[in-house]
Amino acid sequence: MVATPDKLTLAPSISAFGTARATVEGTPLSAEEMHKMHAFWRACNYLAVGMIYLRDNPLLQEPLQIEHVKHRLLGHWGSSPGMSFVWTHLNRVIKSKISI
């Protein structure tokens, strides 16, 4: 049976069909915080790719050559962006809870 708004017994405030409401007032993150978090996430992804595919020249200080790439890959890209996403947001939470 599919629930429709007229057949709900829940209070409208917790209904999936009720009025949407934000739980965060104001802007959650400033533009600078978003920029820094995005840069941190990109750096995490860059390091993950370097660890998976490269055996030399990780900072690309010279043009990439076939000798820099691993012959046998250890690992895969699959979960790396997700883990980087979690690390980025946990890092923000930890830093907000601890005054540095």
N, C-alpha and C. Protein backbone atom coordinates (compact mmCIF):
# COMPACT_ATOMS: atom_id res chain seq x y z
N MET A 1 0.84 -1.18 0.00
CA MET A 1 0.00 0.00 0.00
C MET A 1 0.89 1.24 0.00
N VAL A 2 0.57 2.18 -0.83
CA VAL A 2 1.33 3.42 -0.93
C VAL A 2 0.67 4.47 -0.05
N ALA A 3 1.49 5.12 0.78
CA ALA A 3 0.96 6.15 1.65
C ALA A 3 0.72 7.43 0.86
N THR A 4 -0.37 8.05 1.11
CA THR A 4 -0.67 9.34 0.50
C THR A 4 -0.90 10.34 1.61
N PRO A 5 -0.74 11.62 1.34
CA PRO A 5 -0.86 12.62 2.39
C PRO A 5 -2.18 12.58 3.15
N ASP A 6 -3.29 12.24 2.51
CA ASP A 6 -4.58 12.24 3.20
C ASP A 6 -4.78 11.02 4.08
N LYS A 7 -3.95 9.97 3.95
CA LYS A 7 -4.09 8.75 4.74
C LYS A 7 -3.05 8.64 5.86
N LEU A 8 -2.26 9.69 6.05
CA LEU A 8 -1.22 9.64 7.08
C LEU A 8 -1.82 9.85 8.46
N THR A 9 -1.28 9.14 9.43
CA THR A 9 -1.71 9.32 10.82
C THR A 9 -0.63 10.05 11.62
N LEU A 10 0.52 10.30 11.00
CA LEU A 10 1.59 11.00 11.68
C LEU A 10 1.31 12.49 11.74
N ALA A 11 1.93 13.15 12.69
CA ALA A 11 1.81 14.60 12.78
C ALA A 11 2.44 15.22 11.54
N PRO A 12 1.89 16.31 11.02
CA PRO A 12 2.43 16.93 9.80
C PRO A 12 3.89 17.35 9.94
N SER A 13 4.34 17.66 11.15
CA SER A 13 5.72 18.12 11.32
C SER A 13 6.74 17.02 11.08
N ILE A 14 6.34 15.74 11.18
CA ILE A 14 7.29 14.67 10.93
C ILE A 14 6.92 13.85 9.70
N SER A 15 5.99 14.34 8.97
CA SER A 15 5.53 13.64 7.77
C SER A 15 6.47 13.88 6.61
N ALA A 16 6.65 12.86 5.78
CA ALA A 16 7.42 13.03 4.56
C ALA A 16 6.73 13.97 3.60
N PHE A 17 5.43 14.16 3.80
CA PHE A 17 4.65 15.02 2.92
C PHE A 17 4.44 16.41 3.51
N GLY A 18 4.96 16.65 4.71
CA GLY A 18 4.78 17.93 5.38
C GLY A 18 5.69 19.00 4.81
N THR A 19 5.60 20.19 5.38
CA THR A 19 6.41 21.31 4.95
C THR A 19 7.87 21.05 5.29
N ALA A 20 8.74 21.28 4.32
CA ALA A 20 10.18 21.09 4.57
C ALA A 20 10.67 22.19 5.49
N ARG A 21 11.56 21.83 6.37
CA ARG A 21 12.12 22.82 7.29
C ARG A 21 13.60 22.55 7.47
N ALA A 22 14.36 23.60 7.58
CA ALA A 22 15.79 23.48 7.78
C ALA A 22 16.08 23.38 9.27
N THR A 23 17.05 22.58 9.63
CA THR A 23 17.45 22.47 11.03
C THR A 23 18.65 23.35 11.33
N VAL A 24 19.25 23.94 10.30
CA VAL A 24 20.40 24.81 10.47
C VAL A 24 19.98 26.22 10.11
N GLU A 25 20.22 27.14 11.01
CA GLU A 25 19.86 28.52 10.74
C GLU A 25 21.07 29.24 10.16
N GLY A 26 20.81 30.14 9.24
CA GLY A 26 21.89 30.89 8.62
C GLY A 26 22.64 30.02 7.61
N THR A 27 23.85 30.44 7.29
CA THR A 27 24.68 29.70 6.36
C THR A 27 25.50 28.68 7.13
N PRO A 28 25.39 27.40 6.81
CA PRO A 28 26.14 26.38 7.55
C PRO A 28 27.65 26.59 7.46
N LEU A 29 28.15 26.89 6.28
CA LEU A 29 29.59 27.10 6.09
C LEU A 29 29.82 28.35 5.27
N SER A 30 30.86 29.06 5.62
CA SER A 30 31.20 30.24 4.82
C SER A 30 31.83 29.80 3.51
N ALA A 31 31.94 30.72 2.58
CA ALA A 31 32.55 30.42 1.28
C ALA A 31 34.01 30.00 1.47
N GLU A 32 34.69 30.63 2.41
CA GLU A 32 36.10 30.27 2.67
C GLU A 32 36.21 28.86 3.24
N GLU A 33 35.32 28.50 4.18
CA GLU A 33 35.34 27.14 4.73
C GLU A 33 35.05 26.11 3.64
N MET A 34 34.10 26.39 2.77
CA MET A 34 33.78 25.47 1.68
C MET A 34 34.98 25.32 0.74
N HIS A 35 35.64 26.44 0.44
CA HIS A 35 36.82 26.40 -0.44
C HIS A 35 37.92 25.55 0.19
N LYS A 36 38.17 25.74 1.48
CA LYS A 36 39.21 24.97 2.17
C LYS A 36 38.86 23.49 2.24
N MET A 37 37.59 23.17 2.50
CA MET A 37 37.19 21.77 2.56
C MET A 37 37.31 21.11 1.20
N HIS A 38 36.94 21.83 0.16
CA HIS A 38 37.04 21.26 -1.19
C HIS A 38 38.51 21.04 -1.56
N ALA A 39 39.38 21.97 -1.19
CA ALA A 39 40.81 21.81 -1.46
C ALA A 39 41.37 20.61 -0.70
N PHE A 40 40.95 20.43 0.55
CA PHE A 40 41.41 19.29 1.35
C PHE A 40 40.94 17.98 0.72
N TRP A 41 39.68 17.95 0.27
CA TRP A 41 39.13 16.74 -0.36
C TRP A 41 39.88 16.41 -1.65
N ARG A 42 40.17 17.44 -2.47
CA ARG A 42 40.93 17.22 -3.70
C ARG A 42 42.33 16.70 -3.39
N ALA A 43 42.97 17.24 -2.34
CA ALA A 43 44.30 16.77 -1.97
C ALA A 43 44.27 15.31 -1.53
N CYS A 44 43.26 14.93 -0.76
CA CYS A 44 43.12 13.53 -0.33
C CYS A 44 42.96 12.61 -1.54
N ASN A 45 42.14 13.02 -2.50
CA ASN A 45 41.94 12.21 -3.71
C ASN A 45 43.22 12.12 -4.53
N TYR A 46 43.94 13.22 -4.62
CA TYR A 46 45.21 13.24 -5.36
C TYR A 46 46.20 12.27 -4.73
N LEU A 47 46.30 12.29 -3.41
CA LEU A 47 47.21 11.37 -2.72
C LEU A 47 46.80 9.92 -2.91
N ALA A 48 45.51 9.66 -2.89
CA ALA A 48 45.02 8.29 -3.09
C ALA A 48 45.39 7.78 -4.47
N VAL A 49 45.17 8.61 -5.48
CA VAL A 49 45.52 8.21 -6.85
C VAL A 49 47.02 7.97 -6.96
N GLY A 50 47.81 8.85 -6.36
CA GLY A 50 49.26 8.70 -6.40
C GLY A 50 49.72 7.41 -5.75
N MET A 51 49.11 7.07 -4.61
CA MET A 51 49.50 5.83 -3.92
C MET A 51 49.10 4.60 -4.71
N ILE A 52 47.99 4.67 -5.42
CA ILE A 52 47.51 3.51 -6.17
C ILE A 52 48.31 3.31 -7.46
N TYR A 53 48.55 4.38 -8.20
CA TYR A 53 49.08 4.24 -9.55
C TYR A 53 50.57 4.56 -9.71
N LEU A 54 51.12 5.42 -8.86
CA LEU A 54 52.49 5.88 -9.09
C LEU A 54 53.48 5.24 -8.12
N ARG A 55 54.68 4.99 -8.61
CA ARG A 55 55.75 4.51 -7.73
C ARG A 55 56.85 5.54 -7.61
N ASP A 56 56.81 6.57 -8.44
CA ASP A 56 57.82 7.63 -8.39
C ASP A 56 57.19 8.91 -8.90
N ASN A 57 57.78 10.05 -8.54
CA ASN A 57 57.34 11.36 -9.01
C ASN A 57 55.90 11.68 -8.58
N PRO A 58 55.55 11.51 -7.28
CA PRO A 58 54.17 11.74 -6.85
C PRO A 58 53.71 13.18 -6.97
N LEU A 59 54.61 14.15 -6.88
CA LEU A 59 54.23 15.55 -6.99
C LEU A 59 54.30 16.07 -8.42
N LEU A 60 54.60 15.18 -9.35
CA LEU A 60 54.71 15.52 -10.77
C LEU A 60 55.64 16.70 -11.00
N GLN A 61 56.80 16.64 -10.36
CA GLN A 61 57.79 17.69 -10.52
C GLN A 61 58.46 17.62 -11.89
N GLU A 62 58.32 16.51 -12.55
CA GLU A 62 58.79 16.35 -13.92
C GLU A 62 57.66 15.71 -14.72
N PRO A 63 57.69 15.82 -16.03
CA PRO A 63 56.60 15.22 -16.82
C PRO A 63 56.45 13.73 -16.53
N LEU A 64 55.20 13.30 -16.46
CA LEU A 64 54.90 11.91 -16.15
C LEU A 64 55.41 10.98 -17.25
N GLN A 65 56.09 9.91 -16.84
CA GLN A 65 56.63 8.94 -17.78
C GLN A 65 56.13 7.56 -17.39
N ILE A 66 56.24 6.64 -18.32
CA ILE A 66 55.76 5.28 -18.07
C ILE A 66 56.52 4.63 -16.92
N GLU A 67 57.77 5.02 -16.69
CA GLU A 67 58.57 4.46 -15.60
C GLU A 67 58.02 4.84 -14.23
N HIS A 68 57.24 5.91 -14.16
CA HIS A 68 56.69 6.36 -12.89
C HIS A 68 55.46 5.55 -12.46
N VAL A 69 54.83 4.87 -13.40
CA VAL A 69 53.60 4.14 -13.12
C VAL A 69 53.94 2.73 -12.66
N LYS A 70 53.21 2.25 -11.64
CA LYS A 70 53.42 0.90 -11.12
C LYS A 70 53.10 -0.14 -12.18
N HIS A 71 53.88 -1.22 -12.18
CA HIS A 71 53.62 -2.31 -13.12
C HIS A 71 52.40 -3.11 -12.69
N ARG A 72 52.25 -3.28 -11.38
CA ARG A 72 51.12 -4.03 -10.83
C ARG A 72 50.42 -3.13 -9.82
N LEU A 73 49.17 -2.85 -10.06
CA LEU A 73 48.44 -1.95 -9.18
C LEU A 73 48.03 -2.67 -7.90
N LEU A 74 48.22 -1.99 -6.80
CA LEU A 74 47.80 -2.52 -5.49
C LEU A 74 46.68 -1.65 -4.98
N GLY A 75 45.48 -2.14 -5.06
CA GLY A 75 44.32 -1.38 -4.62
C GLY A 75 43.50 -0.93 -5.81
N HIS A 76 42.45 -0.19 -5.54
CA HIS A 76 41.59 0.33 -6.60
C HIS A 76 41.01 1.66 -6.16
N TRP A 77 40.51 2.40 -7.09
CA TRP A 77 40.02 3.75 -6.85
C TRP A 77 38.66 3.74 -6.15
N GLY A 78 37.90 2.68 -6.25
CA GLY A 78 36.53 2.58 -5.81
C GLY A 78 36.11 3.33 -4.58
N SER A 79 36.70 3.06 -3.43
CA SER A 79 36.22 3.67 -2.19
C SER A 79 37.01 4.91 -1.79
N SER A 80 38.04 5.26 -2.52
CA SER A 80 38.89 6.39 -2.13
C SER A 80 38.16 7.73 -2.05
N PRO A 81 37.35 8.12 -3.03
CA PRO A 81 36.65 9.41 -2.89
C PRO A 81 35.70 9.45 -1.71
N GLY A 82 35.05 8.33 -1.42
CA GLY A 82 34.14 8.28 -0.27
C GLY A 82 34.87 8.42 1.05
N MET A 83 36.01 7.73 1.15
CA MET A 83 36.80 7.86 2.38
C MET A 83 37.35 9.27 2.52
N SER A 84 37.77 9.87 1.43
CA SER A 84 38.25 11.26 1.47
C SER A 84 37.14 12.20 1.90
N PHE A 85 35.92 11.95 1.44
CA PHE A 85 34.77 12.77 1.83
C PHE A 85 34.54 12.68 3.34
N VAL A 86 34.58 11.47 3.87
CA VAL A 86 34.38 11.27 5.30
C VAL A 86 35.50 11.94 6.09
N TRP A 87 36.74 11.75 5.67
CA TRP A 87 37.87 12.37 6.38
C TRP A 87 37.73 13.89 6.38
N THR A 88 37.32 14.45 5.26
CA THR A 88 37.18 15.90 5.16
C THR A 88 36.16 16.42 6.17
N HIS A 89 35.01 15.78 6.23
CA HIS A 89 33.97 16.26 7.13
C HIS A 89 34.28 15.95 8.60
N LEU A 90 34.88 14.81 8.86
CA LEU A 90 35.28 14.52 10.25
C LEU A 90 36.36 15.49 10.71
N ASN A 91 37.27 15.83 9.83
CA ASN A 91 38.31 16.80 10.16
C ASN A 91 37.67 18.13 10.53
N ARG A 92 36.64 18.55 9.80
CA ARG A 92 35.95 19.81 10.11
C ARG A 92 35.26 19.73 11.47
N VAL A 93 34.61 18.61 11.75
CA VAL A 93 33.92 18.45 13.04
C VAL A 93 34.92 18.46 14.19
N ILE A 94 36.01 17.73 14.04
CA ILE A 94 37.02 17.66 15.09
C ILE A 94 37.60 19.05 15.34
N LYS A 95 37.93 19.76 14.28
CA LYS A 95 38.51 21.09 14.44
C LYS A 95 37.52 22.07 15.06
N SER A 96 36.23 21.90 14.80
CA SER A 96 35.24 22.81 15.38
C SER A 96 35.01 22.52 16.86
N LYS A 97 35.25 21.29 17.31
CA LYS A 97 35.06 20.92 18.70
C LYS A 97 36.28 21.22 19.57
N ILE A 98 37.44 21.30 18.93
CA ILE A 98 38.69 21.56 19.66
C ILE A 98 39.18 22.93 19.24
N SER A 99 39.34 23.81 20.19
CA SER A 99 39.87 25.13 19.84
C SER A 99 41.38 25.05 19.71
N ILE A 100 41.85 25.40 18.55
CA ILE A 100 43.29 25.30 18.27
C ILE A 100 43.90 26.67 18.29
